[in-house]
Amino acid sequence: VPQFILEDAAEHQQAVRIFCTQPRRLPVLAVSARVAKERNEKLGSTVGYHIRLEQKTSEQTVLTYCTSGVLLRLLTNDTNASNISHIILDEIHEREQKTDYLLIALRQALKNRDDLRIILMSATMEESRELFRRYFGPGNVFCLDIPSTLHKVEMFYLPEILALTDYKHASSFTGGTFFGKTARSLNDDQAYNRQSGDEMNSNYEVMSSRRIASATASDHLSPVVISQFNNRQLCPQLVLSFLYPKATLTFSTNAVKLGKRLESI
């Protein structure tokens, strides 16, 4: 969208200065670098970014990607945003305190500048669209729906993955003495599995189809099964090699764990 505005302004020989906010620092850096690459320019020329304690812009910069906090500080010094022609708030559905304060400041700026253009963007704004319309209305407020290709998303739960892979798990016997010879405790069982490192140990017994069908949630499965399965790479491997060999989306708690998952696959 910012590039469309730039191209239209260049075609009509109009001067513009665009600020586009992102909810976090990482998207600011990633999106600004991508847009600069798409325009076959060096980052910091026509396209730049501004985050806390870091800025890469120049006198030629007309499109600046920044965080909500940076733009809020700019509006604190210049409440009318006098040197900005367009302000784009991306991912507006991620409501946070800074974003709400920014919306208040922008509505106040619109009272003094009827030439200021504000664009709120989100891929999931159906529920809050009317709320924003009323907040900035009843003036010239328009809502645009831009269709895109939707891909079918299927969800698989742990019992279903176990059934598809014919996964084998270790039997866990409890009720005997912790150090007894006739029973292995749950902790010993888990330690044994970690040391063996065998994905499909011959001592494991196959889960019956009846048990898989009866398991409708993770809490119905043995903790040993869940522990073994979460510590392995079978889920992404299955998706990549069997179900959907073209693409997959994996969520992880941090970049380090995600990198290790990719390396293991």
C-alpha atoms as a PDB file:
ATOM      1  CA  VAL A   1       0.000   0.000   0.000  1.00  0.00           C
ATOM      2  CA  PRO A   2       2.735   2.581   0.758  1.00  0.00           C
ATOM      3  CA  GLN A   3       4.355   1.792  -2.580  1.00  0.00           C
ATOM      4  CA  PHE A   4       1.059   2.365  -4.386  1.00  0.00           C
ATOM      5  CA  ILE A   5       0.904   5.798  -2.776  1.00  0.00           C
ATOM      6  CA  LEU A   6       4.487   6.553  -3.787  1.00  0.00           C
ATOM      7  CA  GLU A   7       3.922   5.504  -7.391  1.00  0.00           C
ATOM      8  CA  ASP A   8       0.722   7.520  -7.658  1.00  0.00           C
ATOM      9  CA  ALA A   9       2.438  10.585  -6.173  1.00  0.00           C
ATOM     10  CA  ALA A  10       5.332  10.245  -8.615  1.00  0.00           C
ATOM     11  CA  GLU A  11       2.911   9.928 -11.533  1.00  0.00           C
ATOM     12  CA  HIS A  12       1.076  13.092 -10.502  1.00  0.00           C
ATOM     13  CA  GLN A  13       4.270  14.860  -9.378  1.00  0.00           C
ATOM     14  CA  GLN A  14       3.039  15.324  -5.837  1.00  0.00           C
ATOM     15  CA  ALA A  15       5.265  15.610  -2.791  1.00  0.00           C
ATOM     16  CA  VAL A  16       4.516  13.046  -0.097  1.00  0.00           C
ATOM     17  CA  ARG A  17       6.022  11.881   3.153  1.00  0.00           C
ATOM     18  CA  ILE A  18       4.675   8.607   4.489  1.00  0.00           C
ATOM     19  CA  PHE A  19       5.033   7.040   7.913  1.00  0.00           C
ATOM     20  CA  CYS A  20       4.013   3.416   8.332  1.00  0.00           C
ATOM     21  CA  THR A  21       3.910   1.893  11.799  1.00  0.00           C
ATOM     22  CA  GLN A  22       4.471  -1.704  12.803  1.00  0.00           C
ATOM     23  CA  PRO A  23       3.668  -3.125  16.249  1.00  0.00           C
ATOM     24  CA  ARG A  24       7.241  -4.260  16.979  1.00  0.00           C
ATOM     25  CA  ARG A  25      10.839  -3.520  16.067  1.00  0.00           C
ATOM     26  CA  LEU A  26      11.496  -6.705  14.097  1.00  0.00           C
ATOM     27  CA  PRO A  27       8.683  -6.146  11.552  1.00  0.00           C
ATOM     28  CA  VAL A  28       9.918  -2.573  11.073  1.00  0.00           C
ATOM     29  CA  LEU A  29      13.371  -3.801  10.094  1.00  0.00           C
ATOM     30  CA  ALA A  30      12.089  -6.690   7.983  1.00  0.00           C
ATOM     31  CA  VAL A  31       9.412  -4.790   6.051  1.00  0.00           C
ATOM     32  CA  SER A  32      11.580  -1.746   5.351  1.00  0.00           C
ATOM     33  CA  ALA A  33      14.380  -3.958   4.016  1.00  0.00           C
ATOM     34  CA  ARG A  34      11.951  -5.876   1.807  1.00  0.00           C
ATOM     35  CA  VAL A  35      10.329  -2.753   0.366  1.00  0.00           C
ATOM     36  CA  ALA A  36      13.726  -1.217  -0.371  1.00  0.00           C
ATOM     37  CA  LYS A  37      14.767  -4.424  -2.135  1.00  0.00           C
ATOM     38  CA  GLU A  38      11.561  -4.507  -4.173  1.00  0.00           C
ATOM     39  CA  ARG A  39      12.246  -0.955  -5.291  1.00  0.00           C
ATOM     40  CA  ASN A  40      15.844  -1.875  -6.137  1.00  0.00           C
ATOM     41  CA  GLU A  41      17.148   0.770  -3.749  1.00  0.00           C
ATOM     42  CA  LYS A  42      19.466   0.875  -0.799  1.00  0.00           C
ATOM     43  CA  LEU A  43      17.787   0.964   2.564  1.00  0.00           C
ATOM     44  CA  GLY A  44      17.949   4.508   3.863  1.00  0.00           C
ATOM     45  CA  SER A  45      17.394   6.162   0.497  1.00  0.00           C
ATOM     46  CA  THR A  46      13.737   6.541  -0.505  1.00  0.00           C
ATOM     47  CA  VAL A  47      12.731   3.924   2.062  1.00  0.00           C
ATOM     48  CA  GLY A  48      14.036   3.941   5.621  1.00  0.00           C
ATOM     49  CA  TYR A  49      13.193   2.971   9.159  1.00  0.00           C
ATOM     50  CA  HIS A  50      13.166   4.537  12.603  1.00  0.00           C
ATOM     51  CA  ILE A  51      13.071   2.566  15.826  1.00  0.00           C
ATOM     52  CA  ARG A  52      14.184   3.387  19.317  1.00  0.00           C
ATOM     53  CA  LEU A  53      17.918   4.194  19.438  1.00  0.00           C
ATOM     54  CA  GLU A  54      18.295   3.310  15.755  1.00  0.00           C
ATOM     55  CA  GLN A  55      17.421   5.171  12.582  1.00  0.00           C
ATOM     56  CA  LYS A  56      18.301   4.749   8.933  1.00  0.00           C
ATOM     57  CA  THR A  57      16.888   7.585   6.868  1.00  0.00           C
ATOM     58  CA  SER A  58      18.189  10.439   4.732  1.00  0.00           C
ATOM     59  CA  GLU A  59      16.993  13.661   3.168  1.00  0.00           C
ATOM     60  CA  GLN A  60      15.627  11.604   0.258  1.00  0.00           C
ATOM     61  CA  THR A  61      13.528   9.330   2.497  1.00  0.00           C
ATOM     62  CA  VAL A  62       9.816   9.686   1.793  1.00  0.00           C
ATOM     63  CA  LEU A  63       8.665   6.362   3.260  1.00  0.00           C
ATOM     64  CA  THR A  64       9.629   5.650   6.854  1.00  0.00           C
ATOM     65  CA  TYR A  65       8.715   2.489   8.718  1.00  0.00           C
ATOM     66  CA  CYS A  66       8.636   2.941  12.473  1.00  0.00           C
ATOM     67  CA  THR A  67       7.134   1.630  15.681  1.00  0.00           C
ATOM     68  CA  SER A  68       4.048   3.153  17.257  1.00  0.00           C
ATOM     69  CA  GLY A  69       6.167   4.630  20.033  1.00  0.00           C
ATOM     70  CA  VAL A  70       8.431   6.511  17.616  1.00  0.00           C
ATOM     71  CA  LEU A  71       5.508   8.092  15.776  1.00  0.00           C
ATOM     72  CA  LEU A  72       3.860   8.946  19.078  1.00  0.00           C
ATOM     73  CA  ARG A  73       6.977  10.843  20.155  1.00  0.00           C
ATOM     74  CA  LEU A  74       7.025  12.714  16.842  1.00  0.00           C
ATOM     75  CA  LEU A  75       3.412  13.751  17.329  1.00  0.00           C
ATOM     76  CA  THR A  76       4.229  14.921  20.839  1.00  0.00           C
ATOM     77  CA  ASN A  77       6.583  17.510  19.353  1.00  0.00           C
ATOM     78  CA  ASP A  78       4.369  18.247  16.333  1.00  0.00           C
ATOM     79  CA  THR A  79       0.745  17.565  17.218  1.00  0.00           C
ATOM     80  CA  ASN A  80      -0.491  18.375  13.704  1.00  0.00           C
ATOM     81  CA  ALA A  81       2.053  16.151  11.922  1.00  0.00           C
ATOM     82  CA  SER A  82       2.700  19.142   9.696  1.00  0.00           C
ATOM     83  CA  ASN A  83       5.466  17.517   7.636  1.00  0.00           C
ATOM     84  CA  ILE A  84       3.669  14.189   7.067  1.00  0.00           C
ATOM     85  CA  SER A  85       1.164  13.561   4.276  1.00  0.00           C
ATOM     86  CA  HIS A  86       0.164   9.936   4.989  1.00  0.00           C
ATOM     87  CA  ILE A  87       0.171   7.886   8.184  1.00  0.00           C
ATOM     88  CA  ILE A  88      -0.403   4.149   7.892  1.00  0.00           C
ATOM     89  CA  LEU A  89      -1.058   2.026  10.962  1.00  0.00           C
ATOM     90  CA  ASP A  90      -0.482  -1.604  10.070  1.00  0.00           C
ATOM     91  CA  GLU A  91      -1.687  -4.556  12.154  1.00  0.00           C
ATOM     92  CA  ILE A  92      -4.130  -2.243  13.881  1.00  0.00           C
ATOM     93  CA  HIS A  93      -5.933  -5.200  15.448  1.00  0.00           C
ATOM     94  CA  GLU A  94      -3.012  -5.597  17.868  1.00  0.00           C
ATOM     95  CA  ARG A  95      -4.400  -3.134  20.345  1.00  0.00           C
ATOM     96  CA  GLU A  96      -1.888  -1.854  22.869  1.00  0.00           C
ATOM     97  CA  GLN A  97      -1.549   1.228  25.021  1.00  0.00           C
ATOM     98  CA  LYS A  98       0.760   3.090  22.632  1.00  0.00           C
ATOM     99  CA  THR A  99      -1.515   2.370  19.689  1.00  0.00           C
ATOM    100  CA  ASP A 100      -4.556   3.691  21.540  1.00  0.00           C
ATOM    101  CA  TYR A 101      -2.710   6.881  22.485  1.00  0.00           C
ATOM    102  CA  LEU A 102      -1.602   7.189  18.872  1.00  0.00           C
ATOM    103  CA  LEU A 103      -5.196   6.962  17.655  1.00  0.00           C
ATOM    104  CA  ILE A 104      -6.165   9.735  20.068  1.00  0.00           C
ATOM    105  CA  ALA A 105      -3.338  11.945  18.795  1.00  0.00           C
ATOM    106  CA  LEU A 106      -4.246  11.287  15.158  1.00  0.00           C
ATOM    107  CA  ARG A 107      -7.901  12.137  15.667  1.00  0.00           C
ATOM    108  CA  GLN A 108      -6.829  15.399  17.272  1.00  0.00           C
ATOM    109  CA  ALA A 109      -4.502  16.149  14.343  1.00  0.00           C
ATOM    110  CA  LEU A 110      -7.342  15.595  11.864  1.00  0.00           C
ATOM    111  CA  LYS A 111      -9.267  18.461  13.459  1.00  0.00           C
ATOM    112  CA  ASN A 112      -6.566  20.867  12.286  1.00  0.00           C
ATOM    113  CA  ARG A 113      -5.513  19.150   9.048  1.00  0.00           C
ATOM    114  CA  ASP A 114      -8.090  18.023   6.539  1.00  0.00           C
ATOM    115  CA  ASP A 115      -5.335  17.075   4.084  1.00  0.00           C
ATOM    116  CA  LEU A 116      -3.802  14.451   6.372  1.00  0.00           C
ATOM    117  CA  ARG A 117      -4.484  10.914   5.186  1.00  0.00           C
ATOM    118  CA  ILE A 118      -4.681   8.134   7.756  1.00  0.00           C
ATOM    119  CA  ILE A 119      -4.914   4.471   6.782  1.00  0.00           C
ATOM    120  CA  LEU A 120      -5.646   1.672   9.245  1.00  0.00           C
ATOM    121  CA  MET A 121      -4.739  -1.787   7.972  1.00  0.00           C
ATOM    122  CA  SER A 122      -5.314  -5.271   9.290  1.00  0.00           C
ATOM    123  CA  ALA A 123      -5.981  -8.719   7.900  1.00  0.00           C
ATOM    124  CA  THR A 124      -8.463  -9.437  10.696  1.00  0.00           C
ATOM    125  CA  MET A 125     -10.385  -6.237  11.314  1.00  0.00           C
ATOM    126  CA  GLU A 126     -13.948  -7.329  10.571  1.00  0.00           C
ATOM    127  CA  GLU A 127     -15.128  -7.079  14.168  1.00  0.00           C
ATOM    128  CA  SER A 128     -13.524  -3.699  14.961  1.00  0.00           C
ATOM    129  CA  ARG A 129     -14.022  -2.001  11.603  1.00  0.00           C
ATOM    130  CA  GLU A 130     -17.221  -0.227  12.601  1.00  0.00           C
ATOM    131  CA  LEU A 131     -15.615   0.822  15.863  1.00  0.00           C
ATOM    132  CA  PHE A 132     -12.852   2.648  14.005  1.00  0.00           C
ATOM    133  CA  ARG A 133     -15.341   4.119  11.557  1.00  0.00           C
ATOM    134  CA  ARG A 134     -17.351   5.650  14.389  1.00  0.00           C
ATOM    135  CA  TYR A 135     -14.219   6.837  16.163  1.00  0.00           C
ATOM    136  CA  PHE A 136     -12.897   8.796  13.170  1.00  0.00           C
ATOM    137  CA  GLY A 137     -16.305   9.607  11.653  1.00  0.00           C
ATOM    138  CA  PRO A 138     -18.697  10.838  10.571  1.00  0.00           C
ATOM    139  CA  GLY A 139     -16.433  12.538   8.017  1.00  0.00           C
ATOM    140  CA  ASN A 140     -14.764  11.023   5.001  1.00  0.00           C
ATOM    141  CA  VAL A 141     -14.141   7.541   6.347  1.00  0.00           C
ATOM    142  CA  PHE A 142     -13.986   4.702   3.834  1.00  0.00           C
ATOM    143  CA  CYS A 143     -13.632   0.958   4.354  1.00  0.00           C
ATOM    144  CA  LEU A 144     -11.948  -1.124   1.675  1.00  0.00           C
ATOM    145  CA  ASP A 145     -11.894  -4.898   1.476  1.00  0.00           C
ATOM    146  CA  ILE A 146      -8.981  -6.272  -0.525  1.00  0.00           C
ATOM    147  CA  PRO A 147      -9.572  -9.954  -1.320  1.00  0.00           C
ATOM    148  CA  SER A 148      -6.716 -12.405  -1.329  1.00  0.00           C
ATOM    149  CA  THR A 149      -6.211 -16.086  -1.967  1.00  0.00           C
ATOM    150  CA  LEU A 150      -7.220 -18.185   1.006  1.00  0.00           C
ATOM    151  CA  HIS A 151      -5.619 -21.549   1.564  1.00  0.00           C
ATOM    152  CA  LYS A 152      -7.315 -24.378   3.358  1.00  0.00           C
ATOM    153  CA  VAL A 153      -5.964 -24.906   6.852  1.00  0.00           C
ATOM    154  CA  GLU A 154      -6.257 -28.292   8.500  1.00  0.00           C
ATOM    155  CA  MET A 155      -5.639 -28.964  12.179  1.00  0.00           C
ATOM    156  CA  PHE A 156      -4.232 -32.249  13.458  1.00  0.00           C
ATOM    157  CA  TYR A 157      -4.208 -33.155  17.124  1.00  0.00           C
ATOM    158  CA  LEU A 158      -1.781 -35.401  18.903  1.00  0.00           C
ATOM    159  CA  PRO A 159      -3.948 -38.551  18.836  1.00  0.00           C
ATOM    160  CA  GLU A 160      -4.436 -38.152  15.083  1.00  0.00           C
ATOM    161  CA  ILE A 161      -0.703 -37.724  14.506  1.00  0.00           C
ATOM    162  CA  LEU A 162      -0.050 -40.823  16.576  1.00  0.00           C
ATOM    163  CA  ALA A 163      -2.505 -42.767  14.444  1.00  0.00           C
ATOM    164  CA  LEU A 164      -1.013 -41.528  11.175  1.00  0.00           C
ATOM    165  CA  THR A 165       2.537 -42.404  12.186  1.00  0.00           C
ATOM    166  CA  ASP A 166       1.654 -45.669  13.923  1.00  0.00           C
ATOM    167  CA  TYR A 167       3.659 -44.256  16.792  1.00  0.00           C
ATOM    168  CA  LYS A 168       4.861 -46.643  19.499  1.00  0.00           C
ATOM    169  CA  HIS A 169       5.157 -45.670  23.114  1.00  0.00           C
ATOM    170  CA  ALA A 170       6.686 -47.196  26.189  1.00  0.00           C
ATOM    171  CA  SER A 171       4.464 -48.808  28.757  1.00  0.00           C
ATOM    172  CA  SER A 172       4.446 -47.068  32.134  1.00  0.00           C
ATOM    173  CA  PHE A 173       3.647 -49.109  35.191  1.00  0.00           C
ATOM    174  CA  THR A 174       2.856 -47.320  38.412  1.00  0.00           C
ATOM    175  CA  GLY A 175       1.714 -48.653  41.725  1.00  0.00           C
ATOM    176  CA  GLY A 176       4.830 -50.687  42.524  1.00  0.00           C
ATOM    177  CA  THR A 177       7.586 -49.621  44.859  1.00  0.00           C
ATOM    178  CA  PHE A 178       9.638 -46.752  43.402  1.00  0.00           C
ATOM    179  CA  PHE A 179      12.833 -48.807  43.572  1.00  0.00           C
ATOM    180  CA  GLY A 180      11.125 -52.135  43.065  1.00  0.00           C
ATOM    181  CA  LYS A 181      12.405 -54.731  40.628  1.00  0.00           C
ATOM    182  CA  THR A 182       9.006 -55.492  39.154  1.00  0.00           C
ATOM    183  CA  ALA A 183       7.990 -51.946  38.268  1.00  0.00           C
ATOM    184  CA  ARG A 184       9.703 -49.047  36.616  1.00  0.00           C
ATOM    185  CA  SER A 185       8.668 -45.617  37.747  1.00  0.00           C
ATOM    186  CA  LEU A 186       7.571 -42.886  35.388  1.00  0.00           C
ATOM    187  CA  ASN A 187      10.766 -40.917  35.973  1.00  0.00           C
ATOM    188  CA  ASP A 188      12.921 -43.943  35.270  1.00  0.00           C
ATOM    189  CA  ASP A 189      10.916 -44.596  32.132  1.00  0.00           C
ATOM    190  CA  GLN A 190      11.479 -41.076  30.871  1.00  0.00           C
ATOM    191  CA  ALA A 191      15.195 -41.248  31.682  1.00  0.00           C
ATOM    192  CA  TYR A 192      15.422 -44.516  29.797  1.00  0.00           C
ATOM    193  CA  ASN A 193      13.780 -42.985  26.743  1.00  0.00           C
ATOM    194  CA  ARG A 194      16.111 -39.975  26.780  1.00  0.00           C
ATOM    195  CA  GLN A 195      19.190 -42.199  26.964  1.00  0.00           C
ATOM    196  CA  SER A 196      18.056 -44.577  24.260  1.00  0.00           C
ATOM    197  CA  GLY A 197      17.253 -41.822  21.788  1.00  0.00           C
ATOM    198  CA  ASP A 198      15.494 -44.378  19.625  1.00  0.00           C
ATOM    199  CA  GLU A 199      12.470 -43.036  17.763  1.00  0.00           C
ATOM    200  CA  MET A 200      10.844 -46.428  17.266  1.00  0.00           C
ATOM    201  CA  ASN A 201      12.279 -48.701  19.944  1.00  0.00           C
ATOM    202  CA  SER A 202      11.474 -52.368  19.488  1.00  0.00           C
ATOM    203  CA  ASN A 203      10.439 -52.617  23.141  1.00  0.00           C
ATOM    204  CA  TYR A 204       7.640 -50.110  22.595  1.00  0.00           C
ATOM    205  CA  GLU A 205       4.186 -51.491  22.061  1.00  0.00           C
ATOM    206  CA  VAL A 206       1.870 -50.259  19.323  1.00  0.00           C
ATOM    207  CA  MET A 207      -1.095 -48.204  20.461  1.00  0.00           C
ATOM    208  CA  SER A 208      -4.327 -49.930  19.584  1.00  0.00           C
ATOM    209  CA  SER A 209      -6.664 -48.179  17.165  1.00  0.00           C
ATOM    210  CA  ARG A 210      -9.402 -48.332  19.808  1.00  0.00           C
ATOM    211  CA  ARG A 211      -7.256 -46.394  22.269  1.00  0.00           C
ATOM    212  CA  ILE A 212      -6.343 -43.813  19.644  1.00  0.00           C
ATOM    213  CA  ALA A 213      -9.971 -43.336  18.696  1.00  0.00           C
ATOM    214  CA  SER A 214     -10.963 -42.888  22.320  1.00  0.00           C
ATOM    215  CA  ALA A 215      -8.288 -40.272  22.946  1.00  0.00           C
ATOM    216  CA  THR A 216      -9.805 -36.933  22.012  1.00  0.00           C
ATOM    217  CA  ALA A 217      -7.407 -34.630  23.833  1.00  0.00           C
ATOM    218  CA  SER A 218      -3.825 -34.602  25.049  1.00  0.00           C
ATOM    219  CA  ASP A 219      -4.844 -35.043  28.687  1.00  0.00           C
ATOM    220  CA  HIS A 220      -6.308 -38.451  27.801  1.00  0.00           C
ATOM    221  CA  LEU A 221      -2.891 -39.712  26.758  1.00  0.00           C
ATOM    222  CA  SER A 222      -0.131 -41.001  28.962  1.00  0.00           C
ATOM    223  CA  PRO A 223       2.306 -38.294  30.121  1.00  0.00           C
ATOM    224  CA  VAL A 224       5.083 -40.485  28.785  1.00  0.00           C
ATOM    225  CA  VAL A 225       3.579 -40.411  25.301  1.00  0.00           C
ATOM    226  CA  ILE A 226       3.231 -36.640  25.385  1.00  0.00           C
ATOM    227  CA  SER A 227       6.760 -36.178  26.713  1.00  0.00           C
ATOM    228  CA  GLN A 228       8.278 -38.455  24.092  1.00  0.00           C
ATOM    229  CA  PHE A 229       6.308 -36.913  21.280  1.00  0.00           C
ATOM    230  CA  ASN A 230       7.009 -33.294  22.228  1.00  0.00           C
ATOM    231  CA  ASN A 231      10.730 -34.008  22.429  1.00  0.00           C
ATOM    232  CA  ARG A 232      10.873 -35.528  18.970  1.00  0.00           C
ATOM    233  CA  GLN A 233      10.586 -34.045  15.505  1.00  0.00           C
ATOM    234  CA  LEU A 234       7.848 -36.310  14.169  1.00  0.00           C
ATOM    235  CA  CYS A 235       5.165 -33.644  13.804  1.00  0.00           C
ATOM    236  CA  PRO A 236       7.026 -31.332  11.394  1.00  0.00           C
ATOM    237  CA  GLN A 237       8.633 -34.305   9.644  1.00  0.00           C
ATOM    238  CA  LEU A 238       5.233 -35.857   9.048  1.00  0.00           C
ATOM    239  CA  VAL A 239       3.785 -32.647   7.684  1.00  0.00           C
ATOM    240  CA  LEU A 240       6.758 -32.021   5.424  1.00  0.00           C
ATOM    241  CA  SER A 241       7.256 -35.508   4.032  1.00  0.00           C
ATOM    242  CA  PHE A 242       3.828 -37.092   4.046  1.00  0.00           C
ATOM    243  CA  LEU A 243       0.850 -34.779   4.302  1.00  0.00           C
ATOM    244  CA  TYR A 244       1.950 -31.493   2.745  1.00  0.00           C
ATOM    245  CA  PRO A 245       5.367 -31.702   1.112  1.00  0.00           C
ATOM    246  CA  LYS A 246       5.253 -28.134  -0.248  1.00  0.00           C
ATOM    247  CA  ALA A 247       4.919 -25.881   2.792  1.00  0.00           C
ATOM    248  CA  THR A 248       4.279 -25.857   6.509  1.00  0.00           C
ATOM    249  CA  LEU A 249       3.933 -23.291   9.267  1.00  0.00           C
ATOM    250  CA  THR A 250       5.641 -24.053  12.571  1.00  0.00           C
ATOM    251  CA  PHE A 251       5.280 -22.065  15.791  1.00  0.00           C
ATOM    252  CA  SER A 252       8.029 -22.076  18.388  1.00  0.00           C
ATOM    253  CA  THR A 253       8.690 -20.226  21.622  1.00  0.00           C
ATOM    254  CA  ASN A 254      11.911 -18.611  20.377  1.00  0.00           C
ATOM    255  CA  ALA A 255      14.236 -18.417  17.392  1.00  0.00           C
ATOM    256  CA  VAL A 256      16.824 -20.758  18.903  1.00  0.00           C
ATOM    257  CA  LYS A 257      14.359 -23.618  19.312  1.00  0.00           C
ATOM    258  CA  LEU A 258      12.931 -22.994  15.849  1.00  0.00           C
ATOM    259  CA  GLY A 259      16.426 -23.115  14.344  1.00  0.00           C
ATOM    260  CA  LYS A 260      17.156 -26.412  16.056  1.00  0.00           C
ATOM    261  CA  ARG A 261      13.883 -27.845  14.761  1.00  0.00           C
ATOM    262  CA  LEU A 262      14.760 -26.836  11.198  1.00  0.00           C
ATOM    263  CA  GLU A 263      18.235 -28.334  11.495  1.00  0.00           C
ATOM    264  CA  SER A 264      16.841 -31.613  12.790  1.00  0.00           C
ATOM    265  CA  ILE A 265      14.384 -31.825   9.876  1.00  0.00           C
END
